[in-house]
Amino acid sequence: MTEVKHHISDDFLIGYAAGSLPAAFDLVVATHVSLSDDARARLHAFDAVGGCILDEMDEAPLAQDSFSKTLSLINESAASESTSSQNQTRSEDGIFPAPLRDMIGCDLADVKWRPIGMGCKQAIISEGKDATARLLFIPAGQAMPRHTHRGTEMTLVLQGAYRDETDRFGRGDIEIGDETMNHTPVAEAGEDCICLIATDARLKFEGLLPRIAQTFLRI
């Protein structure tokens, strides 16, 4: 069982339950929830509250084909769950939790990395107008360039650990960065660090070279 010390905040869980987060952040939250008993319990509570609110709302008329469409969605969901179960069996030795593995269709061994310097690599999973999700590989002992943020950065550790000016973050831990945070993440020695990251704006690097490379690397 993963021992998670840094959990997602209620604000993000409520946004996830309400469906108001960008898809990139949804992916990080879902992956974190799959690793955190605490986050999973709180999410269930918010879902229950949402259900009570729906019960109190006025009924709306349904289209004539609503029942057939609902059955079709149920059948699609069942097929998807069957495929997911098969994928989980094939990837039981992998490090990617089910929400992430289902999204990208593979585990760590099949990720198509792109070098970004200093031995670090990234793989962009999704890019939308509101947010981007990516995987980041940091070699053991390597420091990332010092940076702050123009928006929100959500970082979930999948393997290894890193430290910055605030604390240590290991598998399942999540860190939220914003405009007030200026930090230098450093992967711990002994194991490469792999993170799932969602951002809704470009990072703001202090060094000249990272700023020059930023445009080409879409960070």
N, C-alpha and C. Protein backbone atom coordinates (compact mmCIF):
# COMPACT_ATOMS: atom_id res chain seq x y z
N MET A 1 0.84 -1.19 0.00
CA MET A 1 0.00 0.00 0.00
C MET A 1 0.88 1.24 0.00
N THR A 2 0.57 2.19 -0.87
CA THR A 2 1.33 3.44 -0.94
C THR A 2 1.03 4.30 0.27
N GLU A 3 2.08 4.80 0.93
CA GLU A 3 1.90 5.69 2.07
C GLU A 3 1.96 7.13 1.57
N VAL A 4 0.81 7.76 1.47
CA VAL A 4 0.71 9.11 0.94
C VAL A 4 0.70 10.10 2.10
N LYS A 5 1.56 11.10 2.02
CA LYS A 5 1.65 12.11 3.08
C LYS A 5 1.09 13.46 2.63
N HIS A 6 1.14 13.73 1.34
CA HIS A 6 0.65 15.00 0.82
C HIS A 6 -0.56 14.74 -0.06
N HIS A 7 -1.74 15.12 0.42
CA HIS A 7 -3.00 14.81 -0.24
C HIS A 7 -3.54 16.03 -0.99
N ILE A 8 -4.40 15.76 -1.97
CA ILE A 8 -5.05 16.82 -2.72
C ILE A 8 -6.01 17.59 -1.81
N SER A 9 -6.20 18.87 -2.08
CA SER A 9 -7.07 19.69 -1.25
C SER A 9 -8.54 19.44 -1.61
N ASP A 10 -9.43 19.83 -0.69
CA ASP A 10 -10.87 19.67 -0.92
C ASP A 10 -11.33 20.45 -2.14
N ASP A 11 -10.76 21.63 -2.37
CA ASP A 11 -11.19 22.45 -3.51
C ASP A 11 -11.06 21.69 -4.82
N PHE A 12 -9.93 21.00 -5.00
CA PHE A 12 -9.75 20.25 -6.24
C PHE A 12 -10.64 19.02 -6.29
N LEU A 13 -10.86 18.37 -5.16
CA LEU A 13 -11.76 17.21 -5.14
C LEU A 13 -13.19 17.62 -5.47
N ILE A 14 -13.62 18.75 -4.95
CA ILE A 14 -14.96 19.24 -5.26
C ILE A 14 -15.07 19.58 -6.74
N GLY A 15 -14.04 20.22 -7.27
CA GLY A 15 -14.04 20.53 -8.70
C GLY A 15 -14.07 19.28 -9.55
N TYR A 16 -13.34 18.25 -9.12
CA TYR A 16 -13.34 16.98 -9.84
C TYR A 16 -14.72 16.33 -9.79
N ALA A 17 -15.33 16.31 -8.60
CA ALA A 17 -16.66 15.71 -8.43
C ALA A 17 -17.71 16.46 -9.25
N ALA A 18 -17.54 17.78 -9.36
CA ALA A 18 -18.52 18.60 -10.08
C ALA A 18 -18.26 18.62 -11.58
N GLY A 19 -17.10 18.10 -12.01
CA GLY A 19 -16.77 18.10 -13.43
C GLY A 19 -16.35 19.45 -13.95
N SER A 20 -15.80 20.30 -13.08
CA SER A 20 -15.46 21.67 -13.48
C SER A 20 -13.96 21.88 -13.72
N LEU A 21 -13.15 20.83 -13.54
CA LEU A 21 -11.71 20.97 -13.75
C LEU A 21 -11.35 20.69 -15.21
N PRO A 22 -10.25 21.28 -15.70
CA PRO A 22 -9.75 20.90 -17.02
C PRO A 22 -9.39 19.42 -17.05
N ALA A 23 -9.43 18.81 -18.22
CA ALA A 23 -9.19 17.38 -18.34
C ALA A 23 -7.82 16.98 -17.80
N ALA A 24 -6.81 17.82 -18.00
CA ALA A 24 -5.46 17.50 -17.52
C ALA A 24 -5.43 17.38 -16.01
N PHE A 25 -6.12 18.28 -15.32
CA PHE A 25 -6.17 18.22 -13.86
C PHE A 25 -7.04 17.06 -13.39
N ASP A 26 -8.11 16.76 -14.13
CA ASP A 26 -8.93 15.59 -13.81
C ASP A 26 -8.07 14.32 -13.77
N LEU A 27 -7.17 14.20 -14.75
CA LEU A 27 -6.33 13.00 -14.84
C LEU A 27 -5.42 12.88 -13.62
N VAL A 28 -4.82 13.99 -13.21
CA VAL A 28 -3.92 13.95 -12.04
C VAL A 28 -4.71 13.63 -10.78
N VAL A 29 -5.87 14.26 -10.61
CA VAL A 29 -6.69 14.00 -9.42
C VAL A 29 -7.13 12.55 -9.38
N ALA A 30 -7.61 12.02 -10.51
CA ALA A 30 -8.07 10.62 -10.55
C ALA A 30 -6.93 9.67 -10.22
N THR A 31 -5.74 9.95 -10.74
CA THR A 31 -4.60 9.08 -10.48
C THR A 31 -4.19 9.16 -9.01
N HIS A 32 -4.21 10.37 -8.44
CA HIS A 32 -3.89 10.53 -7.02
C HIS A 32 -4.91 9.81 -6.15
N VAL A 33 -6.19 9.95 -6.48
CA VAL A 33 -7.26 9.31 -5.70
C VAL A 33 -7.09 7.79 -5.69
N SER A 34 -6.60 7.23 -6.79
CA SER A 34 -6.41 5.79 -6.85
C SER A 34 -5.28 5.32 -5.94
N LEU A 35 -4.42 6.25 -5.50
CA LEU A 35 -3.30 5.91 -4.62
C LEU A 35 -3.52 6.35 -3.17
N SER A 36 -4.55 7.15 -2.91
CA SER A 36 -4.74 7.75 -1.59
C SER A 36 -6.09 7.36 -1.00
N ASP A 37 -6.07 6.60 0.09
CA ASP A 37 -7.31 6.23 0.78
C ASP A 37 -8.02 7.48 1.31
N ASP A 38 -7.23 8.44 1.80
CA ASP A 38 -7.81 9.67 2.35
C ASP A 38 -8.56 10.44 1.27
N ALA A 39 -7.93 10.66 0.13
CA ALA A 39 -8.57 11.41 -0.95
C ALA A 39 -9.79 10.67 -1.48
N ARG A 40 -9.71 9.34 -1.55
CA ARG A 40 -10.82 8.54 -2.06
C ARG A 40 -12.03 8.66 -1.13
N ALA A 41 -11.81 8.63 0.17
CA ALA A 41 -12.91 8.75 1.13
C ALA A 41 -13.56 10.13 1.05
N ARG A 42 -12.74 11.17 0.94
CA ARG A 42 -13.30 12.52 0.84
C ARG A 42 -14.06 12.72 -0.46
N LEU A 43 -13.56 12.12 -1.55
CA LEU A 43 -14.26 12.24 -2.83
C LEU A 43 -15.61 11.56 -2.76
N HIS A 44 -15.70 10.39 -2.13
CA HIS A 44 -16.98 9.70 -1.97
C HIS A 44 -17.97 10.58 -1.21
N ALA A 45 -17.48 11.29 -0.20
CA ALA A 45 -18.35 12.18 0.58
C ALA A 45 -18.89 13.31 -0.29
N PHE A 46 -18.03 13.90 -1.12
CA PHE A 46 -18.47 14.98 -2.00
C PHE A 46 -19.45 14.47 -3.05
N ASP A 47 -19.22 13.26 -3.56
CA ASP A 47 -20.15 12.66 -4.51
C ASP A 47 -21.52 12.46 -3.87
N ALA A 48 -21.52 12.05 -2.59
CA ALA A 48 -22.78 11.84 -1.89
C ALA A 48 -23.54 13.15 -1.72
N VAL A 49 -22.81 14.20 -1.38
CA VAL A 49 -23.44 15.52 -1.25
C VAL A 49 -24.03 15.96 -2.57
N GLY A 50 -23.27 15.75 -3.65
CA GLY A 50 -23.78 16.10 -4.97
C GLY A 50 -25.04 15.34 -5.32
N GLY A 51 -25.10 14.06 -4.93
CA GLY A 51 -26.29 13.27 -5.17
C GLY A 51 -27.50 13.80 -4.42
N CYS A 52 -27.28 14.24 -3.19
CA CYS A 52 -28.38 14.82 -2.40
C CYS A 52 -28.90 16.10 -3.04
N ILE A 53 -27.99 16.91 -3.57
CA ILE A 53 -28.40 18.15 -4.23
C ILE A 53 -29.23 17.84 -5.46
N LEU A 54 -28.83 16.83 -6.22
CA LEU A 54 -29.59 16.44 -7.41
C LEU A 54 -30.99 15.96 -7.04
N ASP A 55 -31.09 15.25 -5.91
CA ASP A 55 -32.39 14.75 -5.47
C ASP A 55 -33.36 15.89 -5.17
N GLU A 56 -32.83 17.04 -4.74
CA GLU A 56 -33.67 18.18 -4.37
C GLU A 56 -34.04 19.06 -5.56
N MET A 57 -33.44 18.82 -6.71
CA MET A 57 -33.69 19.65 -7.89
C MET A 57 -34.99 19.24 -8.57
N ASP A 58 -35.59 20.19 -9.30
CA ASP A 58 -36.82 19.91 -10.04
C ASP A 58 -36.54 18.91 -11.16
N GLU A 59 -37.52 18.05 -11.44
CA GLU A 59 -37.37 17.08 -12.51
C GLU A 59 -37.42 17.77 -13.87
N ALA A 60 -36.68 17.24 -14.81
CA ALA A 60 -36.66 17.78 -16.17
C ALA A 60 -37.22 16.74 -17.13
N PRO A 61 -37.93 17.16 -18.18
CA PRO A 61 -38.48 16.20 -19.15
C PRO A 61 -37.36 15.49 -19.90
N LEU A 62 -37.58 14.22 -20.23
CA LEU A 62 -36.58 13.40 -20.93
C LEU A 62 -36.97 13.22 -22.39
N ALA A 63 -35.98 13.11 -23.23
CA ALA A 63 -36.23 12.84 -24.64
C ALA A 63 -36.71 11.40 -24.80
N GLN A 64 -37.41 11.12 -25.91
CA GLN A 64 -37.99 9.79 -26.11
C GLN A 64 -36.93 8.71 -26.22
N ASP A 65 -35.76 9.06 -26.71
CA ASP A 65 -34.71 8.05 -26.89
C ASP A 65 -33.74 7.99 -25.72
N SER A 66 -34.07 8.61 -24.58
CA SER A 66 -33.17 8.65 -23.43
C SER A 66 -32.84 7.25 -22.92
N PHE A 67 -33.86 6.38 -22.86
CA PHE A 67 -33.64 5.04 -22.31
C PHE A 67 -32.67 4.24 -23.18
N SER A 68 -32.87 4.27 -24.49
CA SER A 68 -32.00 3.51 -25.40
C SER A 68 -30.58 4.05 -25.36
N LYS A 69 -30.43 5.36 -25.27
CA LYS A 69 -29.09 5.95 -25.20
C LYS A 69 -28.40 5.56 -23.89
N THR A 70 -29.18 5.51 -22.80
CA THR A 70 -28.61 5.12 -21.51
C THR A 70 -28.11 3.68 -21.55
N LEU A 71 -28.91 2.78 -22.14
CA LEU A 71 -28.48 1.38 -22.26
C LEU A 71 -27.21 1.28 -23.11
N SER A 72 -27.12 2.07 -24.16
CA SER A 72 -25.93 2.05 -25.00
C SER A 72 -24.70 2.49 -24.24
N LEU A 73 -24.86 3.53 -23.41
CA LEU A 73 -23.74 4.01 -22.60
C LEU A 73 -23.31 2.96 -21.57
N ILE A 74 -24.28 2.25 -20.99
CA ILE A 74 -23.98 1.19 -20.02
C ILE A 74 -23.18 0.08 -20.70
N ASN A 75 -23.59 -0.31 -21.90
CA ASN A 75 -22.87 -1.36 -22.62
C ASN A 75 -21.46 -0.93 -22.97
N GLU A 76 -21.28 0.33 -23.38
CA GLU A 76 -19.94 0.84 -23.68
C GLU A 76 -19.07 0.85 -22.45
N SER A 77 -19.68 1.23 -21.30
CA SER A 77 -18.93 1.27 -20.05
C SER A 77 -18.48 -0.12 -19.64
N ALA A 78 -19.36 -1.10 -19.80
CA ALA A 78 -19.02 -2.48 -19.44
C ALA A 78 -17.87 -3.00 -20.29
N ALA A 79 -17.89 -2.67 -21.59
CA ALA A 79 -16.81 -3.10 -22.48
C ALA A 79 -15.51 -2.44 -22.10
N SER A 80 -15.60 -1.14 -21.73
CA SER A 80 -14.40 -0.41 -21.33
C SER A 80 -13.81 -0.99 -20.06
N GLU A 81 -14.66 -1.34 -19.08
CA GLU A 81 -14.19 -1.91 -17.82
C GLU A 81 -13.52 -3.26 -18.07
N SER A 82 -14.07 -4.05 -19.01
CA SER A 82 -13.47 -5.34 -19.32
C SER A 82 -12.08 -5.17 -19.90
N THR A 83 -11.93 -4.19 -20.83
CA THR A 83 -10.63 -3.91 -21.42
C THR A 83 -9.66 -3.42 -20.37
N SER A 84 -10.15 -2.55 -19.47
CA SER A 84 -9.30 -2.01 -18.40
C SER A 84 -8.81 -3.13 -17.50
N SER A 85 -9.70 -4.09 -17.19
CA SER A 85 -9.31 -5.21 -16.33
C SER A 85 -8.22 -6.04 -16.99
N GLN A 86 -8.35 -6.26 -18.31
CA GLN A 86 -7.35 -7.03 -19.04
C GLN A 86 -6.02 -6.29 -19.04
N ASN A 87 -6.08 -4.96 -19.26
CA ASN A 87 -4.85 -4.17 -19.25
C ASN A 87 -4.18 -4.20 -17.90
N GLN A 88 -4.99 -4.16 -16.83
CA GLN A 88 -4.43 -4.19 -15.48
C GLN A 88 -3.72 -5.52 -15.22
N THR A 89 -4.29 -6.62 -15.73
CA THR A 89 -3.65 -7.91 -15.57
C THR A 89 -2.30 -7.95 -16.27
N ARG A 90 -2.26 -7.37 -17.48
CA ARG A 90 -1.01 -7.38 -18.24
C ARG A 90 0.03 -6.46 -17.62
N SER A 91 -0.42 -5.41 -16.87
CA SER A 91 0.51 -4.40 -16.37
C SER A 91 0.63 -4.41 -14.86
N GLU A 92 0.37 -5.56 -14.25
CA GLU A 92 0.32 -5.60 -12.80
C GLU A 92 1.68 -5.28 -12.16
N ASP A 93 2.76 -5.42 -12.94
CA ASP A 93 4.08 -5.10 -12.42
C ASP A 93 4.50 -3.67 -12.75
N GLY A 94 3.64 -2.89 -13.42
CA GLY A 94 3.97 -1.52 -13.79
C GLY A 94 3.77 -0.56 -12.65
N ILE A 95 4.14 0.70 -12.90
CA ILE A 95 4.01 1.71 -11.84
C ILE A 95 2.83 2.65 -12.07
N PHE A 96 2.23 2.63 -13.26
CA PHE A 96 1.16 3.57 -13.55
C PHE A 96 -0.17 3.07 -12.98
N PRO A 97 -0.85 3.86 -12.15
CA PRO A 97 -2.18 3.49 -11.67
C PRO A 97 -3.17 3.43 -12.84
N ALA A 98 -4.28 2.75 -12.62
CA ALA A 98 -5.25 2.49 -13.69
C ALA A 98 -5.73 3.74 -14.43
N PRO A 99 -6.08 4.85 -13.75
CA PRO A 99 -6.57 6.02 -14.50
C PRO A 99 -5.56 6.53 -15.53
N LEU A 100 -4.28 6.54 -15.15
CA LEU A 100 -3.25 7.00 -16.08
C LEU A 100 -3.01 5.97 -17.18
N ARG A 101 -2.92 4.70 -16.81
CA ARG A 101 -2.68 3.64 -17.78
C ARG A 101 -3.80 3.57 -18.81
N ASP A 102 -5.04 3.76 -18.35
CA ASP A 102 -6.17 3.73 -19.26
C ASP A 102 -6.14 4.92 -20.22
N MET A 103 -5.64 6.05 -19.72
CA MET A 103 -5.59 7.26 -20.55
C MET A 103 -4.57 7.13 -21.67
N ILE A 104 -3.37 6.63 -21.35
CA ILE A 104 -2.30 6.62 -22.35
C ILE A 104 -2.14 5.26 -23.03
N GLY A 105 -2.79 4.23 -22.49
CA GLY A 105 -2.79 2.93 -23.14
C GLY A 105 -1.52 2.13 -22.98
N CYS A 106 -0.68 2.49 -22.01
CA CYS A 106 0.55 1.74 -21.80
C CYS A 106 1.09 2.01 -20.41
N ASP A 107 2.18 1.33 -20.07
CA ASP A 107 2.86 1.59 -18.81
C ASP A 107 4.24 2.17 -19.10
N LEU A 108 5.05 2.27 -18.09
CA LEU A 108 6.32 2.99 -18.19
C LEU A 108 7.20 2.52 -19.33
N ALA A 109 7.28 1.22 -19.54
CA ALA A 109 8.21 0.67 -20.53
C ALA A 109 7.92 1.15 -21.95
N ASP A 110 6.68 1.56 -22.22
CA ASP A 110 6.29 1.93 -23.58
C ASP A 110 6.09 3.43 -23.78
N VAL A 111 6.46 4.23 -22.78
CA VAL A 111 6.31 5.68 -22.91
C VAL A 111 7.32 6.20 -23.94
N LYS A 112 6.87 7.09 -24.82
CA LYS A 112 7.74 7.71 -25.82
C LYS A 112 8.26 9.03 -25.26
N TRP A 113 9.45 8.97 -24.68
CA TRP A 113 10.02 10.14 -24.02
C TRP A 113 10.69 11.07 -25.04
N ARG A 114 10.76 12.35 -24.66
CA ARG A 114 11.50 13.34 -25.43
C ARG A 114 12.50 14.02 -24.51
N PRO A 115 13.80 13.99 -24.84
CA PRO A 115 14.80 14.62 -23.97
C PRO A 115 14.58 16.12 -23.85
N ILE A 116 14.77 16.65 -22.64
CA ILE A 116 14.63 18.09 -22.43
C ILE A 116 15.87 18.69 -21.77
N GLY A 117 16.95 17.89 -21.65
CA GLY A 117 18.19 18.40 -21.10
C GLY A 117 18.49 17.87 -19.72
N MET A 118 19.78 17.81 -19.37
CA MET A 118 20.26 17.38 -18.05
C MET A 118 19.85 15.95 -17.72
N GLY A 119 19.59 15.15 -18.75
CA GLY A 119 19.16 13.78 -18.54
C GLY A 119 17.67 13.64 -18.29
N CYS A 120 16.98 14.75 -18.20
CA CYS A 120 15.53 14.74 -17.96
C CYS A 120 14.78 14.49 -19.27
N LYS A 121 13.60 13.90 -19.16
CA LYS A 121 12.77 13.61 -20.31
C LYS A 121 11.32 13.92 -19.99
N GLN A 122 10.52 14.19 -21.02
CA GLN A 122 9.10 14.39 -20.81
C GLN A 122 8.32 13.71 -21.92
N ALA A 123 7.05 13.45 -21.62
CA ALA A 123 6.11 12.91 -22.61
C ALA A 123 4.80 13.65 -22.41
N ILE A 124 4.43 14.44 -23.39
CA ILE A 124 3.17 15.19 -23.28
C ILE A 124 2.01 14.24 -23.56
N ILE A 125 1.10 14.16 -22.61
CA ILE A 125 -0.04 13.24 -22.72
C ILE A 125 -1.21 13.90 -23.43
N SER A 126 -1.51 15.14 -23.02
CA SER A 126 -2.62 15.87 -23.64
C SER A 126 -2.36 17.35 -23.54
N GLU A 127 -2.79 18.07 -24.58
CA GLU A 127 -2.70 19.52 -24.60
C GLU A 127 -4.05 20.09 -24.99
N GLY A 128 -4.59 20.93 -24.13
CA GLY A 128 -5.84 21.61 -24.42
C GLY A 128 -5.64 23.11 -24.27
N LYS A 129 -6.67 23.86 -24.61
CA LYS A 129 -6.56 25.31 -24.50
C LYS A 129 -6.51 25.76 -23.05
N ASP A 130 -6.96 24.88 -22.13
CA ASP A 130 -7.01 25.28 -20.73
C ASP A 130 -5.93 24.64 -19.87
N ALA A 131 -5.33 23.51 -20.29
CA ALA A 131 -4.31 22.86 -19.46
C ALA A 131 -3.60 21.77 -20.26
N THR A 132 -2.40 21.40 -19.77
CA THR A 132 -1.58 20.37 -20.40
C THR A 132 -1.18 19.33 -19.35
N ALA A 133 -1.22 18.07 -19.74
CA ALA A 133 -0.75 16.98 -18.86
C ALA A 133 0.48 16.36 -19.48
N ARG A 134 1.49 16.04 -18.64
CA ARG A 134 2.73 15.45 -19.15
C ARG A 134 3.33 14.53 -18.09
N LEU A 135 4.15 13.60 -18.55
CA LEU A 135 4.98 12.80 -17.68
C LEU A 135 6.37 13.40 -17.69
N LEU A 136 7.01 13.43 -16.53
CA LEU A 136 8.35 13.98 -16.40
C LEU A 136 9.27 12.95 -15.75
N PHE A 137 10.42 12.72 -16.36
CA PHE A 137 11.43 11.79 -15.86
C PHE A 137 12.63 12.61 -15.42
N ILE A 138 13.02 12.48 -14.13
CA ILE A 138 14.18 13.19 -13.59
C ILE A 138 15.16 12.15 -13.07
N PRO A 139 16.38 12.11 -13.60
CA PRO A 139 17.35 11.12 -13.11
C PRO A 139 17.63 11.30 -11.62
N ALA A 140 17.90 10.19 -10.96
CA ALA A 140 18.22 10.24 -9.52
C ALA A 140 19.33 11.25 -9.25
N GLY A 141 19.09 12.13 -8.28
CA GLY A 141 20.08 13.12 -7.88
C GLY A 141 20.09 14.39 -8.70
N GLN A 142 19.30 14.45 -9.78
CA GLN A 142 19.30 15.61 -10.67
C GLN A 142 18.34 16.69 -10.16
N ALA A 143 18.76 17.94 -10.28
CA ALA A 143 17.91 19.08 -9.92
C ALA A 143 17.27 19.66 -11.17
N MET A 144 16.03 20.07 -11.06
CA MET A 144 15.36 20.80 -12.13
C MET A 144 15.72 22.28 -12.02
N PRO A 145 15.66 23.04 -13.11
CA PRO A 145 15.95 24.48 -13.03
C PRO A 145 14.98 25.19 -12.08
N ARG A 146 15.50 26.15 -11.37
CA ARG A 146 14.66 26.91 -10.43
C ARG A 146 13.58 27.67 -11.21
N HIS A 147 12.35 27.62 -10.70
CA HIS A 147 11.26 28.27 -11.43
C HIS A 147 10.11 28.62 -10.50
N THR A 148 9.28 29.52 -10.98
CA THR A 148 8.00 29.80 -10.35
C THR A 148 6.92 29.51 -11.40
N HIS A 149 5.70 29.98 -11.16
CA HIS A 149 4.59 29.58 -12.03
C HIS A 149 3.73 30.77 -12.43
N ARG A 150 3.21 30.72 -13.64
CA ARG A 150 2.29 31.76 -14.10
C ARG A 150 0.83 31.37 -13.83
N GLY A 151 0.64 30.13 -13.41
CA GLY A 151 -0.69 29.63 -13.11
C GLY A 151 -0.58 28.52 -12.08
N THR A 152 -1.33 27.46 -12.26
CA THR A 152 -1.33 26.33 -11.33
C THR A 152 -0.56 25.16 -11.93
N GLU A 153 0.29 24.56 -11.11
CA GLU A 153 1.02 23.35 -11.49
C GLU A 153 0.70 22.27 -10.45
N MET A 154 0.19 21.14 -10.94
CA MET A 154 -0.16 20.01 -10.07
C MET A 154 0.80 18.87 -10.37
N THR A 155 1.58 18.45 -9.38
CA THR A 155 2.60 17.42 -9.58
C THR A 155 2.31 16.21 -8.70
N LEU A 156 2.21 15.04 -9.32
CA LEU A 156 1.97 13.79 -8.61
C LEU A 156 3.15 12.86 -8.85
N VAL A 157 3.75 12.35 -7.78
CA VAL A 157 4.90 11.46 -7.90
C VAL A 157 4.42 10.03 -8.13
N LEU A 158 4.98 9.38 -9.16
CA LEU A 158 4.64 8.00 -9.49
C LEU A 158 5.75 7.03 -9.13
N GLN A 159 6.98 7.50 -9.15
CA GLN A 159 8.13 6.66 -8.81
C GLN A 159 9.22 7.53 -8.20
N GLY A 160 9.96 6.96 -7.24
CA GLY A 160 11.04 7.71 -6.62
C GLY A 160 10.49 8.82 -5.73
N ALA A 161 11.27 9.89 -5.60
CA ALA A 161 10.88 11.01 -4.76
C ALA A 161 11.71 12.23 -5.13
N TYR A 162 11.20 13.39 -4.78
CA TYR A 162 11.98 14.61 -4.94
C TYR A 162 11.77 15.51 -3.72
N ARG A 163 12.71 16.42 -3.54
CA ARG A 163 12.62 17.41 -2.48
C ARG A 163 12.70 18.80 -3.09
N ASP A 164 12.02 19.74 -2.46
CA ASP A 164 12.20 21.15 -2.80
C ASP A 164 12.20 21.96 -1.53
N GLU A 165 12.02 23.27 -1.65
CA GLU A 165 12.10 24.13 -0.48
C GLU A 165 10.97 23.91 0.52
N THR A 166 9.92 23.19 0.11
CA THR A 166 8.78 23.00 1.01
C THR A 166 8.82 21.68 1.76
N ASP A 167 9.18 20.56 1.07
CA ASP A 167 9.13 19.25 1.74
C ASP A 167 9.65 18.17 0.80
N ARG A 168 9.46 16.92 1.22
CA ARG A 168 9.79 15.75 0.41
C ARG A 168 8.49 15.16 -0.14
N PHE A 169 8.54 14.72 -1.39
CA PHE A 169 7.36 14.17 -2.04
C PHE A 169 7.71 12.82 -2.66
N GLY A 170 7.02 11.75 -2.18
CA GLY A 170 7.23 10.40 -2.68
C GLY A 170 6.02 9.90 -3.44
N ARG A 171 6.03 8.62 -3.80
CA ARG A 171 4.95 8.04 -4.61
C ARG A 171 3.58 8.31 -3.99
N GLY A 172 2.67 8.83 -4.80
CA GLY A 172 1.32 9.14 -4.37
C GLY A 172 1.15 10.54 -3.83
N ASP A 173 2.26 11.20 -3.44
CA ASP A 173 2.19 12.57 -2.92
C ASP A 173 1.91 13.55 -4.06
N ILE A 174 1.21 14.61 -3.72
CA ILE A 174 0.86 15.63 -4.71
C ILE A 174 1.27 17.00 -4.18
N GLU A 175 1.82 17.82 -5.06
CA GLU A 175 2.22 19.18 -4.70
C GLU A 175 1.56 20.16 -5.67
N ILE A 176 1.00 21.23 -5.11
CA ILE A 176 0.35 22.26 -5.91
C ILE A 176 1.22 23.51 -5.90
N GLY A 177 1.64 23.94 -7.09
CA GLY A 177 2.41 25.16 -7.21
C GLY A 177 1.58 26.27 -7.83
N ASP A 178 1.86 27.51 -7.40
CA ASP A 178 1.17 28.66 -7.99
C ASP A 178 2.15 29.83 -8.11
N GLU A 179 1.62 31.03 -8.35
CA GLU A 179 2.48 32.19 -8.57
C GLU A 179 3.33 32.54 -7.36
N THR A 180 2.96 32.07 -6.20
CA THR A 180 3.70 32.42 -4.98
C THR A 180 4.86 31.48 -4.72
N MET A 181 4.92 30.36 -5.45
CA MET A 181 5.96 29.35 -5.19
C MET A 181 7.15 29.54 -6.12
N ASN A 182 8.34 29.56 -5.54
CA ASN A 182 9.59 29.59 -6.30
C ASN A 182 10.45 28.46 -5.75
N HIS A 183 10.68 27.42 -6.57
CA HIS A 183 11.34 26.24 -6.00
C HIS A 183 12.27 25.57 -7.00
N THR A 184 13.10 24.67 -6.46
CA THR A 184 14.04 23.89 -7.24
C THR A 184 13.87 22.41 -6.86
N PRO A 185 13.02 21.68 -7.56
CA PRO A 185 12.84 20.26 -7.25
C PRO A 185 14.12 19.48 -7.56
N VAL A 186 14.50 18.58 -6.63
CA VAL A 186 15.70 17.76 -6.78
C VAL A 186 15.31 16.31 -6.54
N ALA A 187 15.53 15.45 -7.53
CA ALA A 187 15.23 14.02 -7.38
C ALA A 187 16.18 13.41 -6.35
N GLU A 188 15.65 12.58 -5.47
CA GLU A 188 16.49 11.92 -4.49
C GLU A 188 17.41 10.90 -5.16
N ALA A 189 18.56 10.70 -4.54
CA ALA A 189 19.50 9.70 -5.04
C ALA A 189 18.93 8.30 -4.86
N GLY A 190 19.35 7.39 -5.71
CA GLY A 190 18.98 5.99 -5.54
C GLY A 190 17.92 5.50 -6.50
N GLU A 191 17.04 6.39 -6.96
CA GLU A 191 15.98 5.95 -7.88
C GLU A 191 15.54 7.14 -8.72
N ASP A 192 15.37 6.92 -10.01
CA ASP A 192 14.87 7.97 -10.89
C ASP A 192 13.47 8.38 -10.45
N CYS A 193 13.16 9.66 -10.61
CA CYS A 193 11.86 10.18 -10.20
C CYS A 193 10.99 10.39 -11.44
N ILE A 194 9.77 9.86 -11.38
CA ILE A 194 8.82 10.03 -12.47
C ILE A 194 7.55 10.66 -11.91
N CYS A 195 7.11 11.74 -12.55
CA CYS A 195 5.95 12.50 -12.06
C CYS A 195 4.92 12.68 -13.18
N LEU A 196 3.67 12.77 -12.78
CA LEU A 196 2.58 13.17 -13.65
C LEU A 196 2.25 14.62 -13.31
N ILE A 197 2.27 15.50 -14.29
CA ILE A 197 2.15 16.94 -14.03
C ILE A 197 1.06 17.54 -14.92
N ALA A 198 0.26 18.44 -14.34
CA ALA A 198 -0.72 19.21 -15.10
C ALA A 198 -0.46 20.69 -14.85
N THR A 199 -0.48 21.49 -15.90
CA THR A 199 -0.28 22.93 -15.78
C THR A 199 -1.31 23.66 -16.64
N ASP A 200 -1.71 24.83 -16.19
CA ASP A 200 -2.62 25.64 -16.99
C ASP A 200 -1.95 26.91 -17.53
N ALA A 201 -0.62 26.99 -17.35
CA ALA A 201 0.16 28.11 -17.87
C ALA A 201 1.62 27.68 -17.92
N ARG A 202 2.43 28.38 -18.71
CA ARG A 202 3.84 28.07 -18.81
C ARG A 202 4.56 28.37 -17.50
N LEU A 203 5.61 27.61 -17.21
CA LEU A 203 6.44 27.89 -16.05
C LEU A 203 7.25 29.16 -16.30
N LYS A 204 7.80 29.70 -15.23
CA LYS A 204 8.60 30.93 -15.30
C LYS A 204 9.98 30.62 -14.75
N PHE A 205 10.95 30.34 -15.64
CA PHE A 205 12.29 29.95 -15.24
C PHE A 205 13.16 31.17 -14.95
N GLU A 206 14.09 30.99 -14.01
CA GLU A 206 15.02 32.07 -13.68
C GLU A 206 16.21 32.11 -14.65
N GLY A 207 16.70 30.94 -15.06
CA GLY A 207 17.89 30.86 -15.91
C GLY A 207 17.60 31.19 -17.36
N LEU A 208 18.60 31.71 -18.07
CA LEU A 208 18.44 32.10 -19.46
C LEU A 208 18.23 30.89 -20.37
N LEU A 209 19.06 29.84 -20.22
CA LEU A 209 18.94 28.67 -21.10
C LEU A 209 17.58 27.98 -20.99
N PRO A 210 17.08 27.76 -19.76
CA PRO A 210 15.74 27.16 -19.69
C PRO A 210 14.67 28.03 -20.33
N ARG A 211 14.81 29.35 -20.25
CA ARG A 211 13.82 30.25 -20.87
C ARG A 211 13.89 30.14 -22.39
N ILE A 212 15.10 30.01 -22.94
CA ILE A 212 15.25 29.87 -24.38
C ILE A 212 14.64 28.55 -24.86
N ALA A 213 14.90 27.47 -24.11
CA ALA A 213 14.41 26.14 -24.51
C ALA A 213 12.92 25.96 -24.29
N GLN A 214 12.35 26.81 -23.45
CA GLN A 214 10.96 26.64 -23.03
C GLN A 214 9.98 26.61 -24.21
N THR A 215 10.18 27.48 -25.17
CA THR A 215 9.28 27.55 -26.32
C THR A 215 9.28 26.25 -27.11
N PHE A 216 10.46 25.66 -27.30
CA PHE A 216 10.57 24.44 -28.10
C PHE A 216 10.05 23.23 -27.35
N LEU A 217 10.19 23.24 -26.01
CA LEU A 217 9.82 22.09 -25.20
C LEU A 217 8.38 22.18 -24.70
N ARG A 218 7.72 23.32 -24.91
CA ARG A 218 6.32 23.53 -24.52
C ARG A 218 6.11 23.28 -23.03
N ILE A 219 7.02 23.82 -22.22
CA ILE A 219 6.91 23.65 -20.77
C ILE A 219 6.31 24.92 -20.17
